[in-house]
């Protein structure tokens, strides 16, 4: 299936892409940041809160602590836009620490958890970890499209751009 090194690469990419998106979001007006842009979680703020909720409050708790909070996926964790983007950036680093300490044998098993509504689930551990990073990529793409539609420039968020950037360091 997948190995720790691949997951570490995706965790590093998550940090990098979050930082790139956050740099672009600094240019966005408060009105555009909070307005309904037709995204699944309505606004850029709503989508970032969904990422904070899903990636960190739910999935990280499930993987790192074996705890499954019951928390709606549209929960507003942080209203202040500057605190919100900083929290996403800071918490993204937690995945690196988690993966550095992860027993590779766990990747062969299942993750037992409860959904955000309290339903018990059992999913392949490694594939579910892949989901966490893929999910963030999906929502960053939605926000990039919203930024483009509003007339703001968007960063290049493809993984290959991170690899090129790191190669030139």
C-alpha atoms as a PDB file:
ATOM      1  CA  UNK A   1       0.000   0.000   0.000  1.00  0.00           C
ATOM      2  CA  UNK A   2       1.593   3.281   1.061  1.00  0.00           C
ATOM      3  CA  UNK A   3       4.738   3.859   3.106  1.00  0.00           C
ATOM      4  CA  UNK A   4       5.701   6.406   5.761  1.00  0.00           C
ATOM      5  CA  UNK A   5       7.966   8.317   3.342  1.00  0.00           C
ATOM      6  CA  UNK A   6       5.067   8.972   0.962  1.00  0.00           C
ATOM      7  CA  UNK A   7       2.890  10.175   3.810  1.00  0.00           C
ATOM      8  CA  UNK A   8       5.703  12.421   5.062  1.00  0.00           C
ATOM      9  CA  UNK A   9       6.008  13.909   1.574  1.00  0.00           C
ATOM     10  CA  UNK A  10       2.274  14.631   1.543  1.00  0.00           C
ATOM     11  CA  UNK A  11       2.471  16.142   5.023  1.00  0.00           C
ATOM     12  CA  UNK A  12       5.303  18.437   3.884  1.00  0.00           C
ATOM     13  CA  UNK A  13       3.275  19.324   0.799  1.00  0.00           C
ATOM     14  CA  UNK A  14       0.286  20.121   3.026  1.00  0.00           C
ATOM     15  CA  UNK A  15       2.429  22.579   5.020  1.00  0.00           C
ATOM     16  CA  UNK A  16       3.858  24.153   1.866  1.00  0.00           C
ATOM     17  CA  UNK A  17       0.518  24.449   0.027  1.00  0.00           C
ATOM     18  CA  UNK A  18      -1.197  25.835   3.127  1.00  0.00           C
ATOM     19  CA  UNK A  19       1.493  28.520   3.390  1.00  0.00           C
ATOM     20  CA  UNK A  20       1.182  29.404  -0.315  1.00  0.00           C
ATOM     21  CA  UNK A  21      -2.588  29.667  -0.081  1.00  0.00           C
ATOM     22  CA  UNK A  22      -2.359  31.712   3.115  1.00  0.00           C
ATOM     23  CA  UNK A  23      -0.026  34.177   1.361  1.00  0.00           C
ATOM     24  CA  UNK A  24      -2.640  34.653  -1.370  1.00  0.00           C
ATOM     25  CA  UNK A  25      -5.449  34.999   1.157  1.00  0.00           C
ATOM     26  CA  UNK A  26      -3.647  37.942   2.768  1.00  0.00           C
ATOM     27  CA  UNK A  27      -4.640  39.996  -0.313  1.00  0.00           C
ATOM     28  CA  UNK A  28      -8.351  39.179  -0.014  1.00  0.00           C
ATOM     29  CA  UNK A  29     -10.691  41.790   1.427  1.00  0.00           C
ATOM     30  CA  UNK A  30     -12.686  40.946   4.545  1.00  0.00           C
ATOM     31  CA  UNK A  31     -15.869  41.152   2.477  1.00  0.00           C
ATOM     32  CA  UNK A  32     -14.605  38.563  -0.011  1.00  0.00           C
ATOM     33  CA  UNK A  33     -13.102  36.373   2.707  1.00  0.00           C
ATOM     34  CA  UNK A  34     -16.423  35.977   4.515  1.00  0.00           C
ATOM     35  CA  UNK A  35     -18.958  36.211   1.668  1.00  0.00           C
ATOM     36  CA  UNK A  36     -20.791  33.226   0.210  1.00  0.00           C
ATOM     37  CA  UNK A  37     -18.744  32.304  -2.852  1.00  0.00           C
ATOM     38  CA  UNK A  38     -20.774  29.252  -3.814  1.00  0.00           C
ATOM     39  CA  UNK A  39     -18.334  26.859  -2.152  1.00  0.00           C
ATOM     40  CA  UNK A  40     -19.597  23.735  -0.396  1.00  0.00           C
ATOM     41  CA  UNK A  41     -18.887  25.447   2.937  1.00  0.00           C
ATOM     42  CA  UNK A  42     -20.075  28.757   1.453  1.00  0.00           C
ATOM     43  CA  UNK A  43     -17.131  31.114   1.973  1.00  0.00           C
ATOM     44  CA  UNK A  44     -13.365  31.004   2.098  1.00  0.00           C
ATOM     45  CA  UNK A  45     -13.712  31.398   5.866  1.00  0.00           C
ATOM     46  CA  UNK A  46     -16.195  28.515   6.023  1.00  0.00           C
ATOM     47  CA  UNK A  47     -13.931  26.288   3.926  1.00  0.00           C
ATOM     48  CA  UNK A  48     -10.855  27.077   6.029  1.00  0.00           C
ATOM     49  CA  UNK A  49     -12.860  26.368   9.173  1.00  0.00           C
ATOM     50  CA  UNK A  50     -13.942  23.059   7.634  1.00  0.00           C
ATOM     51  CA  UNK A  51     -10.286  22.185   7.040  1.00  0.00           C
ATOM     52  CA  UNK A  52      -9.399  23.129  10.613  1.00  0.00           C
ATOM     53  CA  UNK A  53     -12.314  21.095  11.907  1.00  0.00           C
ATOM     54  CA  UNK A  54     -11.841  18.048   9.678  1.00  0.00           C
ATOM     55  CA  UNK A  55      -8.095  17.783   9.371  1.00  0.00           C
ATOM     56  CA  UNK A  56      -7.119  18.795  12.868  1.00  0.00           C
ATOM     57  CA  UNK A  57     -10.038  18.580  15.294  1.00  0.00           C
ATOM     58  CA  UNK A  58     -11.380  15.300  13.885  1.00  0.00           C
ATOM     59  CA  UNK A  59      -8.782  13.335  11.903  1.00  0.00           C
ATOM     60  CA  UNK A  60      -5.727  14.297  13.908  1.00  0.00           C
ATOM     61  CA  UNK A  61      -7.543  13.439  17.138  1.00  0.00           C
ATOM     62  CA  UNK A  62      -8.546  10.067  15.678  1.00  0.00           C
ATOM     63  CA  UNK A  63      -5.059   9.158  14.512  1.00  0.00           C
ATOM     64  CA  UNK A  64      -2.907  10.698  17.232  1.00  0.00           C
ATOM     65  CA  UNK A  65      -5.083  10.222  20.307  1.00  0.00           C
ATOM     66  CA  UNK A  66      -7.598   7.518  19.395  1.00  0.00           C
ATOM     67  CA  UNK A  67     -10.342  10.018  20.223  1.00  0.00           C
ATOM     68  CA  UNK A  68     -13.328  10.625  17.945  1.00  0.00           C
ATOM     69  CA  UNK A  69     -14.962  13.974  18.664  1.00  0.00           C
ATOM     70  CA  UNK A  70     -18.581  14.395  17.648  1.00  0.00           C
ATOM     71  CA  UNK A  71     -18.367  17.686  15.800  1.00  0.00           C
ATOM     72  CA  UNK A  72     -20.306  18.926  12.756  1.00  0.00           C
ATOM     73  CA  UNK A  73     -18.129  19.350   9.662  1.00  0.00           C
ATOM     74  CA  UNK A  74     -19.318  22.937   9.218  1.00  0.00           C
ATOM     75  CA  UNK A  75     -18.301  24.015  12.730  1.00  0.00           C
ATOM     76  CA  UNK A  76     -16.748  27.471  12.914  1.00  0.00           C
ATOM     77  CA  UNK A  77     -13.637  26.867  14.989  1.00  0.00           C
ATOM     78  CA  UNK A  78     -12.200  30.350  14.506  1.00  0.00           C
ATOM     79  CA  UNK A  79     -13.923  33.518  13.280  1.00  0.00           C
ATOM     80  CA  UNK A  80     -10.834  35.760  13.161  1.00  0.00           C
ATOM     81  CA  UNK A  81      -9.300  35.259   9.728  1.00  0.00           C
ATOM     82  CA  UNK A  82      -5.716  35.884  10.852  1.00  0.00           C
ATOM     83  CA  UNK A  83      -5.941  33.461  13.765  1.00  0.00           C
ATOM     84  CA  UNK A  84      -7.648  30.943  11.459  1.00  0.00           C
ATOM     85  CA  UNK A  85      -4.944  30.883   8.779  1.00  0.00           C
ATOM     86  CA  UNK A  86      -2.210  30.803  11.431  1.00  0.00           C
ATOM     87  CA  UNK A  87      -3.898  27.879  13.201  1.00  0.00           C
ATOM     88  CA  UNK A  88      -4.057  25.921   9.945  1.00  0.00           C
ATOM     89  CA  UNK A  89      -0.383  26.612   9.297  1.00  0.00           C
ATOM     90  CA  UNK A  90       0.716  25.715  12.811  1.00  0.00           C
ATOM     91  CA  UNK A  91      -1.396  22.575  13.099  1.00  0.00           C
ATOM     92  CA  UNK A  92      -0.261  21.268   9.707  1.00  0.00           C
ATOM     93  CA  UNK A  93       3.155  20.677  11.285  1.00  0.00           C
ATOM     94  CA  UNK A  94       1.609  18.273  13.810  1.00  0.00           C
ATOM     95  CA  UNK A  95       1.242  15.682  11.056  1.00  0.00           C
ATOM     96  CA  UNK A  96       5.026  15.617  10.521  1.00  0.00           C
ATOM     97  CA  UNK A  97       5.630  14.953  14.213  1.00  0.00           C
ATOM     98  CA  UNK A  98       2.921  12.289  14.201  1.00  0.00           C
ATOM     99  CA  UNK A  99       4.298  10.526  11.117  1.00  0.00           C
ATOM    100  CA  UNK A 100       7.878  10.665  12.403  1.00  0.00           C
ATOM    101  CA  UNK A 101       6.785   8.624  15.434  1.00  0.00           C
ATOM    102  CA  UNK A 102       4.312   6.331  13.642  1.00  0.00           C
ATOM    103  CA  UNK A 103       4.874   2.579  13.818  1.00  0.00           C
ATOM    104  CA  UNK A 104       4.821   1.478  10.134  1.00  0.00           C
ATOM    105  CA  UNK A 105       2.953  -1.695  11.126  1.00  0.00           C
ATOM    106  CA  UNK A 106      -0.122   0.447  11.783  1.00  0.00           C
ATOM    107  CA  UNK A 107      -0.310   1.205   8.061  1.00  0.00           C
ATOM    108  CA  UNK A 108      -1.255  -2.422   7.452  1.00  0.00           C
ATOM    109  CA  UNK A 109      -4.284  -2.341   9.739  1.00  0.00           C
ATOM    110  CA  UNK A 110      -7.491  -0.411  10.130  1.00  0.00           C
ATOM    111  CA  UNK A 111      -8.362   2.816  11.886  1.00  0.00           C
ATOM    112  CA  UNK A 112     -11.276   2.317  14.252  1.00  0.00           C
ATOM    113  CA  UNK A 113     -13.117   5.563  14.893  1.00  0.00           C
ATOM    114  CA  UNK A 114     -16.480   7.279  15.061  1.00  0.00           C
ATOM    115  CA  UNK A 115     -17.678   9.687  12.398  1.00  0.00           C
ATOM    116  CA  UNK A 116     -18.428  13.315  13.155  1.00  0.00           C
ATOM    117  CA  UNK A 117     -21.986  12.185  13.917  1.00  0.00           C
ATOM    118  CA  UNK A 118     -20.917   9.347  16.223  1.00  0.00           C
ATOM    119  CA  UNK A 119     -21.264   6.368  13.852  1.00  0.00           C
ATOM    120  CA  UNK A 120     -18.614   3.634  14.291  1.00  0.00           C
ATOM    121  CA  UNK A 121     -16.293   3.056  11.320  1.00  0.00           C
ATOM    122  CA  UNK A 122     -13.316   0.925  10.430  1.00  0.00           C
ATOM    123  CA  UNK A 123     -11.233   1.955   7.411  1.00  0.00           C
ATOM    124  CA  UNK A 124      -7.784   1.035   6.098  1.00  0.00           C
ATOM    125  CA  UNK A 125      -5.297   3.060   8.128  1.00  0.00           C
ATOM    126  CA  UNK A 126      -2.951   4.093   5.303  1.00  0.00           C
ATOM    127  CA  UNK A 127      -5.709   4.928   2.811  1.00  0.00           C
ATOM    128  CA  UNK A 128      -7.486   7.012   5.428  1.00  0.00           C
ATOM    129  CA  UNK A 129      -4.284   8.955   6.100  1.00  0.00           C
ATOM    130  CA  UNK A 130      -4.032   9.559   2.355  1.00  0.00           C
ATOM    131  CA  UNK A 131      -7.595  10.867   2.495  1.00  0.00           C
ATOM    132  CA  UNK A 132      -6.623  13.525   5.047  1.00  0.00           C
ATOM    133  CA  UNK A 133      -4.036  15.062   2.710  1.00  0.00           C
ATOM    134  CA  UNK A 134      -6.131  14.595  -0.434  1.00  0.00           C
ATOM    135  CA  UNK A 135      -9.085  16.265   1.299  1.00  0.00           C
ATOM    136  CA  UNK A 136      -7.039  19.387   2.016  1.00  0.00           C
ATOM    137  CA  UNK A 137      -5.891  19.488  -1.613  1.00  0.00           C
ATOM    138  CA  UNK A 138      -9.505  19.263  -2.781  1.00  0.00           C
ATOM    139  CA  UNK A 139     -10.609  22.228  -0.687  1.00  0.00           C
ATOM    140  CA  UNK A 140      -7.549  24.327  -1.557  1.00  0.00           C
ATOM    141  CA  UNK A 141      -8.561  23.817  -5.193  1.00  0.00           C
ATOM    142  CA  UNK A 142     -12.065  25.066  -4.442  1.00  0.00           C
ATOM    143  CA  UNK A 143     -10.693  28.172  -2.758  1.00  0.00           C
ATOM    144  CA  UNK A 144      -8.291  28.785  -5.647  1.00  0.00           C
ATOM    145  CA  UNK A 145     -11.236  28.705  -8.057  1.00  0.00           C
ATOM    146  CA  UNK A 146     -13.178  31.125  -5.835  1.00  0.00           C
ATOM    147  CA  UNK A 147     -10.194  33.483  -5.680  1.00  0.00           C
ATOM    148  CA  UNK A 148      -9.872  33.398  -9.466  1.00  0.00           C
ATOM    149  CA  UNK A 149     -13.599  34.105  -9.886  1.00  0.00           C
ATOM    150  CA  UNK A 150     -13.249  37.111  -7.546  1.00  0.00           C
ATOM    151  CA  UNK A 151     -10.304  38.453  -9.572  1.00  0.00           C
ATOM    152  CA  UNK A 152      -7.506  37.628  -7.133  1.00  0.00           C
ATOM    153  CA  UNK A 153      -4.244  35.963  -8.196  1.00  0.00           C
ATOM    154  CA  UNK A 154      -3.789  32.385  -7.060  1.00  0.00           C
ATOM    155  CA  UNK A 155      -0.608  30.532  -6.221  1.00  0.00           C
ATOM    156  CA  UNK A 156       0.605  27.491  -8.088  1.00  0.00           C
ATOM    157  CA  UNK A 157      -0.267  24.721  -5.634  1.00  0.00           C
ATOM    158  CA  UNK A 158       0.754  21.635  -7.606  1.00  0.00           C
ATOM    159  CA  UNK A 159       3.061  19.276  -5.729  1.00  0.00           C
ATOM    160  CA  UNK A 160       5.607  19.529  -8.526  1.00  0.00           C
ATOM    161  CA  UNK A 161       6.103  23.244  -7.753  1.00  0.00           C
ATOM    162  CA  UNK A 162       7.044  22.368  -4.185  1.00  0.00           C
ATOM    163  CA  UNK A 163       9.533  19.808  -5.469  1.00  0.00           C
ATOM    164  CA  UNK A 164      11.053  22.327  -7.888  1.00  0.00           C
ATOM    165  CA  UNK A 165      11.229  24.986  -5.174  1.00  0.00           C
ATOM    166  CA  UNK A 166      12.925  22.598  -2.744  1.00  0.00           C
ATOM    167  CA  UNK A 167      15.379  21.483  -5.420  1.00  0.00           C
ATOM    168  CA  UNK A 168      16.573  25.047  -5.903  1.00  0.00           C
ATOM    169  CA  UNK A 169      17.298  25.579  -2.188  1.00  0.00           C
END
